[in-house]
Amino acid sequence: MSRTQKLAKVSVLVAMATTLHTLESACLPPVFPGARIGLANSITLIAIILFSTKAGVVVVIARGILTTMLRGTIVGFILGTSGGVVAAIAMGLVYKIGRRLFSLVGISIIGAVANSLTQIIVAYYVLIKHPGCFYFVPVFLLFSLITGFFNGVVVSYLDKHLKFVKE
């Protein structure tokens, strides 16, 4: 695959992730403040599977910039992008190193947990500086297990039907 073809395919993934994130923000109310299903994170995992961890990080950053320009805030950008980048790196490492040990569902759960923990840590150090932030950890972890599982099932299904994209 040429560099131009890869760029075009990653750009399509960015557009898909941006669309999913925007639709989710507009149509689905959060279960509790800051909690989302994270459908766009499934696109990040698909980018990692089809291309590389670097492609997954590019999808996260580009999606963060675009969704902030469309309907976001700088706080949302900081939290969402930091969590997404750490999640992409975690999923990429596990996919590359531990693919035999973890299913795509497991990798997605790891990404969701990494995302949530990163957002809480960033909220504490950059925004709030109040230990009360950490009271949300158990709730966010439980929600991460559920959303990570859901997104992992979606990616597992799509993975069977997207192999042609790599060609």
N, C-alpha and C. Protein backbone atom coordinates (compact mmCIF):
# COMPACT_ATOMS: atom_id res chain seq x y z
N MET A 1 0.85 -1.17 0.00
CA MET A 1 0.00 0.00 0.00
C MET A 1 0.90 1.23 0.00
N SER A 2 0.57 2.16 -0.86
CA SER A 2 1.38 3.39 -0.94
C SER A 2 1.07 4.29 0.26
N ARG A 3 1.94 5.23 0.46
CA ARG A 3 1.77 6.20 1.55
C ARG A 3 0.48 7.01 1.36
N THR A 4 0.18 7.35 0.12
CA THR A 4 -1.03 8.11 -0.19
C THR A 4 -2.28 7.29 0.11
N GLN A 5 -2.27 6.01 -0.24
CA GLN A 5 -3.41 5.15 0.05
C GLN A 5 -3.63 5.01 1.56
N LYS A 6 -2.53 4.84 2.29
CA LYS A 6 -2.64 4.71 3.75
C LYS A 6 -3.19 6.01 4.35
N LEU A 7 -2.70 7.15 3.89
CA LEU A 7 -3.18 8.44 4.36
C LEU A 7 -4.68 8.59 4.10
N ALA A 8 -5.11 8.19 2.91
CA ALA A 8 -6.52 8.29 2.56
C ALA A 8 -7.37 7.40 3.46
N LYS A 9 -6.90 6.19 3.73
CA LYS A 9 -7.67 5.26 4.56
C LYS A 9 -7.70 5.71 6.03
N VAL A 10 -6.60 6.22 6.53
CA VAL A 10 -6.58 6.75 7.90
C VAL A 10 -7.48 7.98 7.99
N SER A 11 -7.51 8.80 6.93
CA SER A 11 -8.39 9.97 6.91
C SER A 11 -9.85 9.57 6.98
N VAL A 12 -10.21 8.49 6.31
CA VAL A 12 -11.58 7.98 6.37
C VAL A 12 -11.89 7.53 7.81
N LEU A 13 -10.93 6.89 8.47
CA LEU A 13 -11.13 6.48 9.87
C LEU A 13 -11.30 7.70 10.78
N VAL A 14 -10.53 8.76 10.52
CA VAL A 14 -10.69 10.00 11.29
C VAL A 14 -12.10 10.55 11.10
N ALA A 15 -12.57 10.56 9.86
CA ALA A 15 -13.93 11.06 9.59
C ALA A 15 -14.97 10.20 10.29
N MET A 16 -14.79 8.89 10.27
CA MET A 16 -15.73 8.00 10.94
C MET A 16 -15.72 8.23 12.45
N ALA A 17 -14.54 8.35 13.04
CA ALA A 17 -14.43 8.57 14.48
C ALA A 17 -15.04 9.91 14.87
N THR A 18 -14.79 10.93 14.08
CA THR A 18 -15.35 12.26 14.35
C THR A 18 -16.87 12.22 14.27
N THR A 19 -17.40 11.55 13.26
CA THR A 19 -18.84 11.43 13.10
C THR A 19 -19.46 10.67 14.26
N LEU A 20 -18.88 9.54 14.63
CA LEU A 20 -19.42 8.76 15.76
C LEU A 20 -19.39 9.56 17.06
N HIS A 21 -18.28 10.24 17.30
CA HIS A 21 -18.16 11.03 18.52
C HIS A 21 -19.20 12.16 18.55
N THR A 22 -19.35 12.84 17.44
CA THR A 22 -20.30 13.95 17.36
C THR A 22 -21.74 13.46 17.52
N LEU A 23 -22.08 12.37 16.85
CA LEU A 23 -23.43 11.82 16.97
C LEU A 23 -23.70 11.33 18.39
N GLU A 24 -22.72 10.67 18.98
CA GLU A 24 -22.89 10.19 20.35
C GLU A 24 -23.09 11.37 21.31
N SER A 25 -22.33 12.42 21.13
CA SER A 25 -22.46 13.60 21.98
C SER A 25 -23.82 14.26 21.82
N ALA A 26 -24.32 14.29 20.59
CA ALA A 26 -25.58 14.98 20.31
C ALA A 26 -26.81 14.14 20.66
N CYS A 27 -26.71 12.84 20.51
CA CYS A 27 -27.90 11.99 20.62
C CYS A 27 -28.01 11.18 21.91
N LEU A 28 -26.89 10.83 22.50
CA LEU A 28 -26.93 9.98 23.68
C LEU A 28 -26.51 10.76 24.91
N PRO A 29 -27.41 10.94 25.86
CA PRO A 29 -27.01 11.65 27.08
C PRO A 29 -26.02 10.81 27.88
N PRO A 30 -25.04 11.44 28.52
CA PRO A 30 -24.10 10.66 29.31
C PRO A 30 -24.81 10.00 30.49
N VAL A 31 -24.35 8.79 30.84
CA VAL A 31 -24.92 8.06 31.97
C VAL A 31 -24.68 8.84 33.26
N PHE A 32 -23.50 9.41 33.37
CA PHE A 32 -23.14 10.34 34.44
C PHE A 32 -22.09 11.27 33.86
N PRO A 33 -21.83 12.41 34.52
CA PRO A 33 -20.94 13.41 33.91
C PRO A 33 -19.60 12.83 33.46
N GLY A 34 -19.28 13.09 32.21
CA GLY A 34 -18.01 12.65 31.65
C GLY A 34 -17.99 11.23 31.14
N ALA A 35 -19.07 10.49 31.30
CA ALA A 35 -19.10 9.10 30.87
C ALA A 35 -19.82 8.97 29.53
N ARG A 36 -19.13 8.35 28.59
CA ARG A 36 -19.71 8.12 27.27
C ARG A 36 -19.49 6.67 26.90
N ILE A 37 -20.24 6.21 25.93
CA ILE A 37 -20.03 4.85 25.43
C ILE A 37 -18.68 4.77 24.73
N GLY A 38 -18.28 5.83 24.07
CA GLY A 38 -16.97 5.86 23.42
C GLY A 38 -16.92 5.10 22.12
N LEU A 39 -17.98 5.22 21.32
CA LEU A 39 -18.02 4.51 20.04
C LEU A 39 -16.84 4.86 19.15
N ALA A 40 -16.37 6.09 19.22
CA ALA A 40 -15.23 6.50 18.39
C ALA A 40 -13.96 5.73 18.76
N ASN A 41 -13.89 5.24 19.99
CA ASN A 41 -12.71 4.46 20.40
C ASN A 41 -12.62 3.14 19.65
N SER A 42 -13.75 2.64 19.18
CA SER A 42 -13.70 1.42 18.37
C SER A 42 -12.96 1.69 17.05
N ILE A 43 -13.11 2.89 16.53
CA ILE A 43 -12.39 3.26 15.30
C ILE A 43 -10.89 3.35 15.57
N THR A 44 -10.52 3.83 16.75
CA THR A 44 -9.10 3.87 17.11
C THR A 44 -8.52 2.46 17.11
N LEU A 45 -9.24 1.51 17.71
CA LEU A 45 -8.75 0.13 17.73
C LEU A 45 -8.69 -0.45 16.32
N ILE A 46 -9.63 -0.13 15.49
CA ILE A 46 -9.59 -0.59 14.10
C ILE A 46 -8.36 -0.03 13.38
N ALA A 47 -8.04 1.25 13.63
CA ALA A 47 -6.83 1.85 13.03
C ALA A 47 -5.58 1.10 13.48
N ILE A 48 -5.54 0.72 14.75
CA ILE A 48 -4.39 -0.02 15.28
C ILE A 48 -4.29 -1.39 14.61
N ILE A 49 -5.41 -2.06 14.47
CA ILE A 49 -5.43 -3.40 13.86
C ILE A 49 -5.01 -3.33 12.39
N LEU A 50 -5.58 -2.38 11.67
CA LEU A 50 -5.33 -2.31 10.23
C LEU A 50 -3.97 -1.70 9.88
N PHE A 51 -3.49 -0.76 10.71
CA PHE A 51 -2.28 -0.05 10.35
C PHE A 51 -1.21 -0.12 11.44
N SER A 52 -1.39 0.64 12.52
CA SER A 52 -0.36 0.68 13.57
C SER A 52 -0.87 1.49 14.76
N THR A 53 -0.11 1.43 15.84
CA THR A 53 -0.42 2.25 17.00
C THR A 53 -0.35 3.73 16.62
N LYS A 54 0.64 4.07 15.82
CA LYS A 54 0.79 5.46 15.38
C LYS A 54 -0.47 5.94 14.65
N ALA A 55 -1.04 5.10 13.80
CA ALA A 55 -2.28 5.46 13.10
C ALA A 55 -3.41 5.66 14.10
N GLY A 56 -3.47 4.82 15.13
CA GLY A 56 -4.49 4.98 16.16
C GLY A 56 -4.35 6.31 16.89
N VAL A 57 -3.11 6.68 17.21
CA VAL A 57 -2.88 7.97 17.88
C VAL A 57 -3.25 9.13 16.96
N VAL A 58 -2.94 9.02 15.69
CA VAL A 58 -3.31 10.06 14.73
C VAL A 58 -4.83 10.22 14.67
N VAL A 59 -5.54 9.11 14.67
CA VAL A 59 -7.01 9.16 14.65
C VAL A 59 -7.52 9.89 15.89
N VAL A 60 -6.97 9.57 17.05
CA VAL A 60 -7.41 10.20 18.30
C VAL A 60 -7.16 11.71 18.27
N ILE A 61 -5.96 12.11 17.91
CA ILE A 61 -5.62 13.54 17.93
C ILE A 61 -6.43 14.31 16.89
N ALA A 62 -6.53 13.78 15.68
CA ALA A 62 -7.30 14.47 14.64
C ALA A 62 -8.77 14.54 15.03
N ARG A 63 -9.32 13.46 15.58
CA ARG A 63 -10.71 13.48 16.04
C ARG A 63 -10.89 14.52 17.14
N GLY A 64 -9.94 14.58 18.06
CA GLY A 64 -10.02 15.56 19.15
C GLY A 64 -10.06 16.98 18.64
N ILE A 65 -9.21 17.28 17.69
CA ILE A 65 -9.17 18.63 17.11
C ILE A 65 -10.48 18.93 16.38
N LEU A 66 -10.92 18.00 15.55
CA LEU A 66 -12.14 18.24 14.76
C LEU A 66 -13.38 18.35 15.63
N THR A 67 -13.53 17.46 16.60
CA THR A 67 -14.74 17.53 17.44
C THR A 67 -14.71 18.76 18.34
N THR A 68 -13.54 19.21 18.74
CA THR A 68 -13.46 20.45 19.52
C THR A 68 -13.89 21.63 18.66
N MET A 69 -13.48 21.65 17.41
CA MET A 69 -13.88 22.72 16.51
C MET A 69 -15.38 22.67 16.22
N LEU A 70 -15.95 21.48 16.16
CA LEU A 70 -17.37 21.34 15.83
C LEU A 70 -18.29 21.68 16.99
N ARG A 71 -17.96 21.15 18.19
CA ARG A 71 -18.90 21.35 19.27
C ARG A 71 -18.29 21.21 20.66
N GLY A 72 -17.00 21.25 20.75
CA GLY A 72 -16.37 20.97 22.02
C GLY A 72 -15.83 22.16 22.76
N THR A 73 -15.18 21.85 23.85
CA THR A 73 -14.51 22.85 24.67
C THR A 73 -13.06 22.45 24.82
N ILE A 74 -12.23 23.38 25.27
CA ILE A 74 -10.82 23.08 25.46
C ILE A 74 -10.64 22.04 26.56
N VAL A 75 -11.50 22.08 27.59
CA VAL A 75 -11.42 21.08 28.66
C VAL A 75 -11.73 19.69 28.10
N GLY A 76 -12.77 19.61 27.27
CA GLY A 76 -13.09 18.35 26.62
C GLY A 76 -11.96 17.84 25.75
N PHE A 77 -11.32 18.77 25.05
CA PHE A 77 -10.18 18.39 24.21
C PHE A 77 -9.04 17.84 25.06
N ILE A 78 -8.71 18.52 26.14
CA ILE A 78 -7.60 18.09 27.00
C ILE A 78 -7.89 16.71 27.59
N LEU A 79 -9.07 16.56 28.16
CA LEU A 79 -9.40 15.28 28.79
C LEU A 79 -9.57 14.16 27.77
N GLY A 80 -10.34 14.43 26.73
CA GLY A 80 -10.61 13.40 25.73
C GLY A 80 -9.38 12.96 24.96
N THR A 81 -8.58 13.92 24.56
CA THR A 81 -7.41 13.58 23.76
C THR A 81 -6.33 12.91 24.60
N SER A 82 -6.12 13.39 25.82
CA SER A 82 -5.12 12.73 26.67
C SER A 82 -5.53 11.30 26.98
N GLY A 83 -6.80 11.10 27.33
CA GLY A 83 -7.28 9.74 27.59
C GLY A 83 -7.21 8.87 26.35
N GLY A 84 -7.60 9.44 25.22
CA GLY A 84 -7.58 8.69 23.97
C GLY A 84 -6.19 8.29 23.52
N VAL A 85 -5.23 9.19 23.68
CA VAL A 85 -3.84 8.88 23.28
C VAL A 85 -3.27 7.77 24.15
N VAL A 86 -3.46 7.88 25.46
CA VAL A 86 -2.96 6.83 26.36
C VAL A 86 -3.66 5.50 26.06
N ALA A 87 -4.97 5.56 25.81
CA ALA A 87 -5.71 4.34 25.47
C ALA A 87 -5.18 3.73 24.17
N ALA A 88 -4.92 4.55 23.17
CA ALA A 88 -4.41 4.04 21.89
C ALA A 88 -3.04 3.39 22.07
N ILE A 89 -2.19 4.02 22.85
CA ILE A 89 -0.86 3.44 23.11
C ILE A 89 -0.98 2.12 23.87
N ALA A 90 -1.85 2.10 24.89
CA ALA A 90 -2.05 0.87 25.66
C ALA A 90 -2.60 -0.25 24.77
N MET A 91 -3.62 0.07 23.98
CA MET A 91 -4.20 -0.95 23.08
C MET A 91 -3.18 -1.40 22.04
N GLY A 92 -2.41 -0.45 21.51
CA GLY A 92 -1.40 -0.79 20.52
C GLY A 92 -0.33 -1.72 21.08
N LEU A 93 0.13 -1.43 22.29
CA LEU A 93 1.14 -2.29 22.92
C LEU A 93 0.59 -3.68 23.19
N VAL A 94 -0.61 -3.75 23.73
CA VAL A 94 -1.20 -5.06 24.02
C VAL A 94 -1.48 -5.81 22.73
N TYR A 95 -1.95 -5.11 21.71
CA TYR A 95 -2.22 -5.77 20.42
C TYR A 95 -0.92 -6.32 19.83
N LYS A 96 0.14 -5.55 19.92
CA LYS A 96 1.41 -5.98 19.32
C LYS A 96 2.10 -7.07 20.14
N ILE A 97 2.11 -6.91 21.46
CA ILE A 97 2.87 -7.82 22.32
C ILE A 97 2.02 -8.98 22.83
N GLY A 98 0.78 -8.69 23.22
CA GLY A 98 -0.02 -9.70 23.88
C GLY A 98 -1.22 -10.19 23.11
N ARG A 99 -1.18 -10.11 21.79
CA ARG A 99 -2.33 -10.50 20.97
C ARG A 99 -2.77 -11.94 21.23
N ARG A 100 -1.83 -12.80 21.57
CA ARG A 100 -2.19 -14.20 21.84
C ARG A 100 -2.84 -14.37 23.20
N LEU A 101 -2.61 -13.42 24.09
CA LEU A 101 -3.15 -13.51 25.44
C LEU A 101 -4.50 -12.80 25.59
N PHE A 102 -4.73 -11.79 24.75
CA PHE A 102 -5.93 -10.98 24.88
C PHE A 102 -6.73 -10.98 23.59
N SER A 103 -8.03 -11.12 23.73
CA SER A 103 -8.92 -10.97 22.57
C SER A 103 -9.08 -9.48 22.28
N LEU A 104 -9.74 -9.17 21.18
CA LEU A 104 -10.02 -7.77 20.88
C LEU A 104 -10.92 -7.15 21.94
N VAL A 105 -11.79 -7.95 22.53
CA VAL A 105 -12.64 -7.45 23.63
C VAL A 105 -11.75 -7.08 24.81
N GLY A 106 -10.81 -7.93 25.16
CA GLY A 106 -9.88 -7.63 26.27
C GLY A 106 -9.04 -6.40 25.99
N ILE A 107 -8.57 -6.27 24.77
CA ILE A 107 -7.76 -5.11 24.39
C ILE A 107 -8.60 -3.84 24.48
N SER A 108 -9.84 -3.92 24.05
CA SER A 108 -10.74 -2.77 24.13
C SER A 108 -11.00 -2.37 25.58
N ILE A 109 -11.18 -3.35 26.45
CA ILE A 109 -11.39 -3.06 27.87
C ILE A 109 -10.16 -2.38 28.46
N ILE A 110 -8.98 -2.86 28.11
CA ILE A 110 -7.74 -2.23 28.58
C ILE A 110 -7.69 -0.77 28.12
N GLY A 111 -8.06 -0.53 26.87
CA GLY A 111 -8.09 0.85 26.36
C GLY A 111 -9.09 1.72 27.10
N ALA A 112 -10.26 1.17 27.38
CA ALA A 112 -11.29 1.95 28.09
C ALA A 112 -10.84 2.28 29.51
N VAL A 113 -10.22 1.32 30.18
CA VAL A 113 -9.72 1.58 31.54
C VAL A 113 -8.60 2.61 31.51
N ALA A 114 -7.68 2.47 30.55
CA ALA A 114 -6.58 3.44 30.42
C ALA A 114 -7.12 4.84 30.15
N ASN A 115 -8.13 4.93 29.30
CA ASN A 115 -8.75 6.21 28.98
C ASN A 115 -9.34 6.86 30.22
N SER A 116 -10.14 6.11 30.95
CA SER A 116 -10.80 6.65 32.14
C SER A 116 -9.80 7.08 33.21
N LEU A 117 -8.83 6.23 33.50
CA LEU A 117 -7.85 6.57 34.53
C LEU A 117 -7.03 7.79 34.13
N THR A 118 -6.66 7.87 32.86
CA THR A 118 -5.90 9.02 32.38
C THR A 118 -6.72 10.30 32.53
N GLN A 119 -7.99 10.25 32.16
CA GLN A 119 -8.81 11.45 32.27
C GLN A 119 -8.95 11.92 33.72
N ILE A 120 -9.08 10.98 34.63
CA ILE A 120 -9.19 11.36 36.05
C ILE A 120 -7.88 11.97 36.54
N ILE A 121 -6.76 11.37 36.17
CA ILE A 121 -5.45 11.89 36.59
C ILE A 121 -5.20 13.27 35.98
N VAL A 122 -5.52 13.43 34.70
CA VAL A 122 -5.34 14.73 34.05
C VAL A 122 -6.28 15.77 34.68
N ALA A 123 -7.51 15.38 34.95
CA ALA A 123 -8.44 16.31 35.60
C ALA A 123 -7.88 16.77 36.93
N TYR A 124 -7.28 15.85 37.67
CA TYR A 124 -6.72 16.21 38.97
C TYR A 124 -5.53 17.17 38.81
N TYR A 125 -4.55 16.80 38.00
CA TYR A 125 -3.31 17.57 37.91
C TYR A 125 -3.43 18.86 37.09
N VAL A 126 -4.30 18.88 36.10
CA VAL A 126 -4.37 20.03 35.21
C VAL A 126 -5.54 20.96 35.54
N LEU A 127 -6.65 20.39 35.97
CA LEU A 127 -7.85 21.20 36.09
C LEU A 127 -8.31 21.47 37.52
N ILE A 128 -8.44 20.43 38.33
CA ILE A 128 -9.15 20.58 39.59
C ILE A 128 -8.26 20.60 40.82
N LYS A 129 -7.27 19.76 40.89
CA LYS A 129 -6.36 19.64 42.05
C LYS A 129 -7.13 19.39 43.35
N HIS A 130 -8.15 18.55 43.25
CA HIS A 130 -8.92 18.19 44.44
C HIS A 130 -8.99 16.67 44.51
N PRO A 131 -8.67 16.09 45.67
CA PRO A 131 -8.66 14.63 45.78
C PRO A 131 -10.03 13.99 45.54
N GLY A 132 -11.07 14.78 45.57
CA GLY A 132 -12.40 14.26 45.30
C GLY A 132 -12.53 13.65 43.91
N CYS A 133 -11.64 14.05 42.98
CA CYS A 133 -11.64 13.47 41.63
C CYS A 133 -11.54 11.95 41.69
N PHE A 134 -10.77 11.46 42.65
CA PHE A 134 -10.48 10.04 42.71
C PHE A 134 -11.65 9.22 43.27
N TYR A 135 -12.66 9.89 43.79
CA TYR A 135 -13.86 9.17 44.23
C TYR A 135 -14.61 8.57 43.05
N PHE A 136 -14.37 9.13 41.87
CA PHE A 136 -15.03 8.63 40.67
C PHE A 136 -14.38 7.38 40.09
N VAL A 137 -13.20 7.02 40.55
CA VAL A 137 -12.47 5.90 39.96
C VAL A 137 -13.29 4.61 39.91
N PRO A 138 -13.91 4.15 41.00
CA PRO A 138 -14.66 2.89 40.90
C PRO A 138 -15.80 2.93 39.89
N VAL A 139 -16.51 4.05 39.84
CA VAL A 139 -17.62 4.17 38.91
C VAL A 139 -17.11 4.18 37.47
N PHE A 140 -16.05 4.94 37.22
CA PHE A 140 -15.48 5.00 35.87
C PHE A 140 -14.91 3.64 35.46
N LEU A 141 -14.30 2.92 36.38
CA LEU A 141 -13.76 1.60 36.05
C LEU A 141 -14.88 0.63 35.69
N LEU A 142 -15.95 0.65 36.44
CA LEU A 142 -17.08 -0.22 36.12
C LEU A 142 -17.65 0.14 34.75
N PHE A 143 -17.83 1.42 34.51
CA PHE A 143 -18.35 1.86 33.22
C PHE A 143 -17.38 1.50 32.10
N SER A 144 -16.08 1.58 32.37
CA SER A 144 -15.07 1.22 31.37
C SER A 144 -15.16 -0.25 30.99
N LEU A 145 -15.41 -1.10 31.96
CA LEU A 145 -15.56 -2.53 31.67
C LEU A 145 -16.74 -2.77 30.73
N ILE A 146 -17.83 -2.09 30.99
CA ILE A 146 -19.03 -2.27 30.17
C ILE A 146 -18.83 -1.72 28.76
N THR A 147 -18.35 -0.48 28.67
CA THR A 147 -18.17 0.13 27.35
C THR A 147 -17.03 -0.52 26.58
N GLY A 148 -15.96 -0.88 27.28
CA GLY A 148 -14.86 -1.58 26.62
C GLY A 148 -15.30 -2.91 26.05
N PHE A 149 -16.14 -3.62 26.80
CA PHE A 149 -16.68 -4.89 26.31
C PHE A 149 -17.53 -4.66 25.07
N PHE A 150 -18.44 -3.70 25.15
CA PHE A 150 -19.32 -3.41 24.02
C PHE A 150 -18.52 -3.04 22.78
N ASN A 151 -17.60 -2.11 22.92
CA ASN A 151 -16.79 -1.68 21.77
C ASN A 151 -15.91 -2.81 21.25
N GLY A 152 -15.41 -3.65 22.15
CA GLY A 152 -14.61 -4.79 21.74
C GLY A 152 -15.40 -5.79 20.91
N VAL A 153 -16.65 -6.02 21.29
CA VAL A 153 -17.51 -6.91 20.51
C VAL A 153 -17.76 -6.32 19.12
N VAL A 154 -17.99 -5.01 19.06
CA VAL A 154 -18.19 -4.34 17.77
C VAL A 154 -16.94 -4.50 16.90
N VAL A 155 -15.77 -4.24 17.48
CA VAL A 155 -14.52 -4.34 16.71
C VAL A 155 -14.26 -5.79 16.29
N SER A 156 -14.54 -6.74 17.14
CA SER A 156 -14.35 -8.16 16.78
C SER A 156 -15.19 -8.52 15.56
N TYR A 157 -16.42 -8.04 15.55
CA TYR A 157 -17.28 -8.29 14.39
C TYR A 157 -16.72 -7.61 13.14
N LEU A 158 -16.39 -6.33 13.27
CA LEU A 158 -15.89 -5.58 12.11
C LEU A 158 -14.55 -6.12 11.61
N ASP A 159 -13.72 -6.61 12.52
CA ASP A 159 -12.41 -7.12 12.14
C ASP A 159 -12.52 -8.26 11.12
N LYS A 160 -13.55 -9.05 11.24
CA LYS A 160 -13.76 -10.17 10.31
C LYS A 160 -14.13 -9.69 8.91
N HIS A 161 -14.62 -8.45 8.81
CA HIS A 161 -15.12 -7.96 7.54
C HIS A 161 -14.29 -6.82 6.95
N LEU A 162 -13.20 -6.44 7.61
CA LEU A 162 -12.42 -5.29 7.13
C LEU A 162 -11.02 -5.64 6.67
N LYS A 163 -10.71 -6.90 6.53
CA LYS A 163 -9.35 -7.28 6.12
C LYS A 163 -8.96 -6.72 4.75
N PHE A 164 -9.94 -6.52 3.89
CA PHE A 164 -9.66 -6.01 2.55
C PHE A 164 -9.11 -4.58 2.59
N VAL A 165 -9.33 -3.85 3.67
CA VAL A 165 -8.87 -2.46 3.77
C VAL A 165 -7.35 -2.40 3.76
N LYS A 166 -6.71 -3.42 4.30
CA LYS A 166 -5.25 -3.44 4.37
C LYS A 166 -4.60 -3.60 3.01
N GLU A 167 -5.33 -4.12 2.07
CA GLU A 167 -4.76 -4.41 0.75
C GLU A 167 -4.57 -3.16 -0.08
